[in-house]
C-alpha cells in the first residue's frame, strides 16, 4: 500500500478514534522505523495540536492523520481566508 509521506510543517487532522479525533495540528517532526523484512517503513508524526487540552505535541502513526488542503497555515495557527 502506497501513501504520501507528509513533511514537517504540513497541516493535518487526526483521523483515529479517541480524544484527539478531528483535531487539527501541524507536523513538527517525522520519524521512520524501517523493518528488514517489511516492504515499507513505518512513519510517525509528531503533531502540535491547535485545539484540545494537551499542550505538548503528540506522536501519531502515519495512518492516524490526514493532510488538510485549502487552508493557509503557519507555525502559529490556522489562518482562514
Protein backbone atom coordinates (compact mmCIF):
# COMPACT_ATOMS: atom_id res chain seq x y z
CA UNK A 1 0.00 0.00 0.00
CA UNK A 2 1.46 3.35 -1.02
CA UNK A 3 0.74 6.61 0.77
CA UNK A 4 2.09 10.14 0.69
CA UNK A 5 4.65 10.99 3.33
CA UNK A 6 3.78 14.32 4.90
CA UNK A 7 6.55 16.80 5.67
CA UNK A 8 7.37 18.97 8.64
CA UNK A 9 5.07 21.99 8.65
CA UNK A 10 2.15 20.16 7.00
CA UNK A 11 -1.31 20.87 8.33
CA UNK A 12 -3.09 17.64 9.33
CA UNK A 13 -6.15 16.44 11.18
CA UNK A 14 -6.40 13.36 13.38
CA UNK A 15 -8.45 10.53 11.86
CA UNK A 16 -8.13 7.85 14.56
CA UNK A 17 -10.91 7.45 17.09
CA UNK A 18 -10.10 8.76 20.55
CA UNK A 19 -9.85 12.03 22.45
CA UNK A 20 -7.90 13.75 19.63
CA UNK A 21 -10.22 12.66 16.79
CA UNK A 22 -10.93 15.51 14.35
CA UNK A 23 -8.43 17.96 15.84
CA UNK A 24 -6.08 19.88 13.54
CA UNK A 25 -2.39 20.47 14.06
CA UNK A 26 0.98 20.97 12.40
CA UNK A 27 3.63 18.29 11.99
CA UNK A 28 6.75 19.21 14.00
CA UNK A 29 8.86 16.09 13.26
CA UNK A 30 8.79 12.88 11.23
CA UNK A 31 10.34 9.64 12.45
CA UNK A 32 10.76 6.44 10.43
CA UNK A 33 11.18 2.83 11.52
CA UNK A 34 12.50 0.64 8.72
CA UNK A 35 11.95 -3.09 9.21
CA UNK A 36 14.26 -5.55 7.47
CA UNK A 37 11.50 -7.90 6.29
CA UNK A 38 8.77 -5.29 5.63
CA UNK A 39 8.13 -3.80 2.21
CA UNK A 40 7.53 -0.28 3.52
CA UNK A 41 8.82 1.61 6.56
CA UNK A 42 6.53 2.80 9.35
CA UNK A 43 6.18 6.59 9.63
CA UNK A 44 5.36 8.52 12.82
CA UNK A 45 4.41 12.20 13.00
CA UNK A 46 4.92 14.50 15.98
CA UNK A 47 1.88 16.79 15.79
CA UNK A 48 1.35 20.03 17.73
CA UNK A 49 -2.44 20.24 18.05
CA UNK A 50 -4.20 23.61 17.82
CA UNK A 51 -7.12 22.55 19.99
CA UNK A 52 -7.78 20.28 22.93
CA UNK A 53 -6.39 20.14 26.42
CA UNK A 54 -2.99 18.61 25.63
CA UNK A 55 -0.43 21.37 25.19
CA UNK A 56 2.62 19.31 24.19
CA UNK A 57 2.93 17.64 20.75
CA UNK A 58 1.77 14.02 20.37
CA UNK A 59 3.08 11.18 18.19
CA UNK A 60 0.71 9.59 15.65
CA UNK A 61 1.19 6.69 13.22
CA UNK A 62 1.01 7.68 9.54
CA UNK A 63 -2.49 6.25 9.05
CA UNK A 64 -3.90 8.15 12.04
CA UNK A 65 -3.53 11.57 10.41
CA UNK A 66 -4.55 13.05 7.06
CA UNK A 67 -3.31 16.14 5.27
CA UNK A 68 -5.54 19.21 5.09
CA UNK A 69 -5.72 21.08 1.80
CA UNK A 70 -7.14 24.52 1.13
CA UNK A 71 -6.32 26.22 4.44
CA UNK A 72 -3.40 28.57 4.83
CA UNK A 73 -1.40 27.99 7.97
CA UNK A 74 1.71 29.00 9.82
CA UNK A 75 3.56 27.69 12.83
CA UNK A 76 1.34 29.95 14.97
CA UNK A 77 -2.01 28.62 13.85
CA UNK A 78 -4.51 28.27 11.06
CA UNK A 79 -5.37 31.36 9.02
CA UNK A 80 -8.70 31.46 7.26
CA UNK A 81 -9.01 33.41 4.04
